[in-house]
Amino acid sequence: MSENLERRSFIIGTAAVCLSTGVALLASGCDPITPPGDCNPEEPLPPLPPSSPDPDDPFGIDLNINMGTIDSYLNRSDVVYRDLRMLVGLTGDEGIESSFSVDDMLNGFRIVPFPYLAKLPNNAMEGSFSGETLISIEYDEKENIVSHRFLYEESLLVLTDLFPKDKAIFLVCKLGDHAGLLRKLLIRLGWDAKSIYNVGGMWAYTGTKIQEILVYPSQAGGNKMYATWRADYATIDFSLLHQAKP
């Protein structure tokens, strides 16, 4: 009888040690079946510099993380990457394509078109967009946000999903202007200014971490083609949202 109790106690104790060891290894990033000497848990990411908009840049492009340095900050698990331009052919509004069209994009960025998120300043080119948007905005003559109104009950939910508050947010567009506008809007709505970076406009990028969207394949007789399937594109079906009360 005592021998059986001792054997059961040994088995239970051994199982508890194995379980606690496995939990510890998982917490450290190691595979429990990997020999301890071969385990190389992921090193902590170096901290990001706080967001620092250039006071001399009209759009507030970041002094530290911008098109000249972005390659060193790609593929981080603590960052979400957002491109605010549009894919040609998915908007149906010809007047806006020259200002927003995506010819190429940085690896790891997701396209979230600015016009779907908020009303643009009223100028001849950008004012041509006539599609649905989440937020109506009134700007002053310097494109500062004077007031805003959610047009859908789910507007804030959509923004929070696309721009999570628990991560740093890297914004790019064609010139850097719309990234600057969205940064202002998110800060106005309660996002942490230190975690939102206007990385700038794709026109200034000279690195190699690129995905071509506008291509000229030989199979198409030399005609240009938009490889839309290469892009991670956030679509918003406004017909599924509920209009907010005036």
Protein backbone atom coordinates (compact mmCIF):
# COMPACT_ATOMS: atom_id res chain seq x y z
CA MET A 1 0.00 0.00 0.00
CA SER A 2 2.72 2.50 1.00
CA GLU A 3 4.74 1.49 -2.07
CA ASN A 4 1.81 2.37 -4.35
CA LEU A 5 1.37 5.74 -2.62
CA GLU A 6 5.05 6.53 -3.03
CA ARG A 7 4.89 5.62 -6.75
CA ARG A 8 1.80 7.80 -7.29
CA SER A 9 3.41 10.70 -5.42
CA PHE A 10 6.54 10.40 -7.58
CA ILE A 11 4.48 10.41 -10.81
CA ILE A 12 2.40 13.42 -9.72
CA GLY A 13 5.49 15.33 -8.61
CA THR A 14 7.32 14.59 -11.85
CA ALA A 15 4.30 15.72 -13.89
CA ALA A 16 4.12 18.96 -11.93
CA VAL A 17 7.81 19.68 -12.56
CA CYS A 18 7.41 18.99 -16.29
CA LEU A 19 4.35 21.20 -16.51
CA SER A 20 6.00 24.11 -14.71
CA THR A 21 9.12 23.76 -16.86
CA GLY A 22 7.04 23.77 -20.04
CA VAL A 23 5.14 26.87 -18.94
CA ALA A 24 8.39 28.65 -18.14
CA LEU A 25 9.87 27.74 -21.52
CA LEU A 26 6.78 28.90 -23.35
CA ALA A 27 6.83 32.17 -21.45
CA SER A 28 10.44 32.67 -22.50
CA GLY A 29 9.65 31.98 -26.14
CA CYS A 30 11.25 28.52 -26.19
CA ASP A 31 9.75 25.29 -27.44
CA PRO A 32 9.34 22.90 -24.45
CA ILE A 33 10.75 19.98 -26.49
CA THR A 34 13.86 21.93 -27.54
CA PRO A 35 16.98 21.13 -25.48
CA PRO A 36 17.72 24.11 -23.19
CA GLY A 37 21.13 24.68 -24.73
CA ASP A 38 19.58 25.08 -28.18
CA CYS A 39 16.90 27.56 -27.12
CA ASN A 40 17.32 31.11 -28.46
CA PRO A 41 14.34 33.19 -27.31
CA GLU A 42 13.64 36.32 -29.33
CA GLU A 43 15.60 39.28 -28.05
CA PRO A 44 13.58 42.27 -26.83
CA LEU A 45 12.98 44.88 -29.51
CA PRO A 46 14.96 48.10 -29.13
CA PRO A 47 12.69 50.94 -28.02
CA LEU A 48 11.34 53.27 -30.66
CA PRO A 49 12.27 56.94 -30.45
CA PRO A 50 9.25 59.06 -29.48
CA SER A 51 7.32 60.54 -32.34
CA SER A 52 9.04 63.81 -33.31
CA PRO A 53 7.31 65.76 -36.10
CA ASP A 54 9.69 68.09 -37.90
CA PRO A 55 8.56 71.63 -36.98
CA ASP A 56 9.98 72.92 -40.26
CA ASP A 57 8.15 70.38 -42.43
CA PRO A 58 4.68 71.50 -43.60
CA PHE A 59 3.25 68.00 -43.02
CA GLY A 60 5.10 67.18 -39.80
CA ILE A 61 7.11 64.27 -41.19
CA ASP A 62 8.99 62.57 -38.37
CA LEU A 63 12.59 63.58 -37.70
CA ASN A 64 13.69 60.06 -36.71
CA ILE A 65 11.47 57.57 -38.54
CA ASN A 66 10.95 58.66 -42.12
CA MET A 67 11.57 57.50 -45.68
CA GLY A 68 15.30 57.71 -45.14
CA THR A 69 15.31 55.41 -42.10
CA ILE A 70 12.13 53.30 -42.40
CA ASP A 71 13.96 50.17 -43.58
CA SER A 72 15.47 49.87 -40.10
CA TYR A 73 12.02 49.85 -38.48
CA LEU A 74 10.11 47.33 -40.60
CA ASN A 75 8.68 44.00 -39.42
CA ARG A 76 8.30 44.94 -35.77
CA SER A 77 5.60 43.22 -33.73
CA ASP A 78 4.97 46.39 -31.71
CA VAL A 79 4.08 48.49 -34.78
CA VAL A 80 1.15 48.62 -37.21
CA TYR A 81 1.99 49.88 -40.69
CA ARG A 82 -0.62 51.83 -42.68
CA ASP A 83 -0.53 53.25 -46.22
CA LEU A 84 -3.28 55.85 -46.73
CA ARG A 85 -3.47 55.75 -50.53
CA MET A 86 -5.98 53.96 -52.79
CA LEU A 87 -5.71 51.13 -55.27
CA VAL A 88 -6.69 52.15 -58.76
CA GLY A 89 -9.89 50.46 -59.88
CA LEU A 90 -11.35 50.06 -56.40
CA THR A 91 -12.66 53.58 -56.11
CA GLY A 92 -14.71 54.37 -59.20
CA ASP A 93 -13.84 58.04 -58.77
CA GLU A 94 -11.43 58.93 -61.55
CA GLY A 95 -10.72 62.43 -60.26
CA ILE A 96 -8.99 61.23 -57.12
CA GLU A 97 -6.79 58.52 -58.57
CA SER A 98 -3.88 60.76 -59.56
CA SER A 99 -3.59 61.99 -55.99
CA PHE A 100 -3.99 58.66 -54.23
CA SER A 101 -2.98 55.88 -56.61
CA VAL A 102 -0.63 53.18 -55.35
CA ASP A 103 2.19 52.36 -57.76
CA ASP A 104 4.32 50.54 -55.21
CA MET A 105 4.26 50.05 -51.47
CA LEU A 106 6.53 49.17 -48.59
CA ASN A 107 6.62 45.57 -47.45
CA GLY A 108 4.40 44.96 -44.43
CA PHE A 109 2.18 48.01 -44.89
CA ARG A 110 -1.59 47.68 -45.14
CA ILE A 111 -3.56 50.03 -47.38
CA VAL A 112 -6.23 51.97 -45.50
CA PRO A 113 -7.40 54.81 -47.81
CA PHE A 114 -7.70 58.16 -46.05
CA PRO A 115 -10.88 59.18 -47.94
CA TYR A 116 -12.69 56.18 -46.43
CA LEU A 117 -11.75 57.36 -42.94
CA ALA A 118 -12.41 61.08 -43.00
CA LYS A 119 -13.50 63.99 -45.14
CA LEU A 120 -10.64 65.70 -46.94
CA PRO A 121 -9.88 69.41 -47.05
CA ASN A 122 -11.86 71.14 -49.78
CA ASN A 123 -9.51 71.77 -52.67
CA ALA A 124 -10.03 71.04 -56.34
CA MET A 125 -8.20 67.72 -56.52
CA GLU A 126 -9.07 66.06 -53.23
CA GLY A 127 -12.61 67.43 -53.06
CA SER A 128 -13.53 65.31 -56.07
CA PHE A 129 -13.90 62.20 -53.91
CA SER A 130 -17.63 61.55 -53.55
CA GLY A 131 -17.69 58.18 -51.79
CA GLU A 132 -18.68 57.29 -48.24
CA THR A 133 -16.47 58.23 -45.31
CA LEU A 134 -16.51 57.49 -41.57
CA ILE A 135 -16.03 61.01 -40.22
CA SER A 136 -17.03 64.47 -41.37
CA ILE A 137 -14.41 67.13 -40.61
CA GLU A 138 -14.34 70.90 -40.76
CA TYR A 139 -10.90 72.41 -41.39
CA ASP A 140 -9.57 75.95 -41.09
CA GLU A 141 -7.51 77.62 -43.80
CA LYS A 142 -4.35 75.94 -42.48
CA GLU A 143 -5.97 72.49 -42.56
CA ASN A 144 -6.22 72.29 -38.78
CA ILE A 145 -9.25 70.33 -37.58
CA VAL A 146 -11.90 72.67 -36.19
CA SER A 147 -14.65 70.08 -35.57
CA HIS A 148 -15.57 66.49 -36.43
CA ARG A 149 -18.65 64.31 -36.47
CA PHE A 150 -18.95 60.53 -36.66
CA LEU A 151 -21.19 59.63 -39.58
CA TYR A 152 -21.70 56.02 -38.48
CA GLU A 153 -22.31 54.42 -35.11
CA GLU A 154 -19.34 52.14 -35.77
CA SER A 155 -16.92 54.86 -36.92
CA LEU A 156 -14.78 54.86 -33.77
CA LEU A 157 -14.81 51.06 -33.61
CA VAL A 158 -13.47 50.83 -37.17
CA LEU A 159 -10.71 53.34 -36.40
CA THR A 160 -9.73 51.48 -33.22
CA ASP A 161 -9.52 48.19 -35.09
CA LEU A 162 -7.42 49.66 -37.91
CA PHE A 163 -5.23 51.80 -35.64
CA PRO A 164 -4.87 49.94 -32.33
CA LYS A 165 -3.91 52.14 -29.39
CA ASP A 166 -1.60 49.56 -27.81
CA LYS A 167 0.93 49.71 -30.66
CA ALA A 168 2.98 52.33 -32.45
CA ILE A 169 1.37 53.50 -35.70
CA PHE A 170 3.45 54.23 -38.82
CA LEU A 171 1.61 56.26 -41.48
CA VAL A 172 2.66 56.82 -45.08
CA CYS A 173 0.91 58.28 -48.12
CA LYS A 174 2.02 59.78 -51.42
CA LEU A 175 3.47 63.08 -50.18
CA GLY A 176 3.14 62.98 -46.39
CA ASP A 177 0.19 65.38 -46.22
CA HIS A 178 -2.57 62.85 -45.55
CA ALA A 179 -0.41 61.00 -43.04
CA GLY A 180 -0.07 64.31 -41.21
CA LEU A 181 -3.82 64.93 -41.33
CA LEU A 182 -4.65 61.48 -39.97
CA ARG A 183 -2.11 61.89 -37.19
CA LYS A 184 -3.89 65.11 -36.14
CA LEU A 185 -7.26 63.36 -36.24
CA LEU A 186 -6.17 60.35 -34.16
CA ILE A 187 -4.61 62.60 -31.54
CA ARG A 188 -7.81 64.66 -31.41
CA LEU A 189 -9.77 61.43 -30.82
CA GLY A 190 -7.59 60.32 -27.91
CA TRP A 191 -4.65 58.43 -29.39
CA ASP A 192 -1.20 58.96 -27.84
CA ALA A 193 0.75 61.50 -29.90
CA LYS A 194 4.07 59.87 -28.93
CA SER A 195 3.06 56.63 -30.67
CA ILE A 196 1.91 57.99 -34.05
CA TYR A 197 4.54 58.61 -36.71
CA ASN A 198 4.17 60.44 -40.01
CA VAL A 199 6.78 58.48 -41.93
CA GLY A 200 6.23 60.63 -45.03
CA GLY A 201 5.48 60.18 -48.72
CA MET A 202 6.38 57.23 -50.88
CA TRP A 203 7.74 59.58 -53.55
CA ALA A 204 10.82 60.06 -51.32
CA TYR A 205 11.57 56.37 -50.70
CA THR A 206 14.82 55.07 -52.22
CA GLY A 207 15.22 51.79 -50.34
CA THR A 208 14.72 48.22 -51.48
CA LYS A 209 11.85 46.96 -49.27
CA ILE A 210 9.29 47.49 -51.97
CA GLN A 211 6.35 45.67 -53.55
CA GLU A 212 5.53 46.74 -57.11
CA ILE A 213 1.80 47.24 -57.72
CA LEU A 214 1.91 49.00 -61.10
CA VAL A 215 3.67 46.59 -63.48
CA TYR A 216 4.22 46.21 -67.22
CA PRO A 217 4.14 42.44 -67.78
CA SER A 218 5.34 41.04 -71.08
CA GLN A 219 2.28 38.78 -71.07
CA ALA A 220 0.07 41.88 -71.34
CA GLY A 221 1.73 43.18 -74.47
CA GLY A 222 3.60 45.90 -72.60
CA ASN A 223 0.43 47.49 -71.23
CA LYS A 224 0.46 48.60 -67.62
CA MET A 225 -1.42 46.48 -65.12
CA TYR A 226 -2.30 46.98 -61.46
CA ALA A 227 -1.42 43.85 -59.49
CA THR A 228 -4.02 44.54 -56.82
CA TRP A 229 -3.74 41.02 -55.43
CA ARG A 230 -0.25 41.82 -54.11
CA ALA A 231 -1.56 44.42 -51.68
CA ASP A 232 -3.04 43.99 -48.23
CA TYR A 233 -6.09 46.23 -48.61
CA ALA A 234 -8.55 47.13 -45.86
CA THR A 235 -12.01 47.34 -47.38
CA ILE A 236 -14.89 49.01 -45.56
CA ASP A 237 -18.38 47.98 -46.61
CA PHE A 238 -20.39 51.03 -45.60
CA SER A 239 -23.66 49.26 -46.40
CA LEU A 240 -23.10 47.12 -43.30
CA LEU A 241 -22.68 50.12 -41.00
CA HIS A 242 -25.42 52.11 -39.29
CA GLN A 243 -25.68 55.84 -39.93
CA ALA A 244 -25.36 57.97 -36.84
CA LYS A 245 -28.15 60.30 -35.86
CA PRO A 246 -27.51 63.96 -36.80
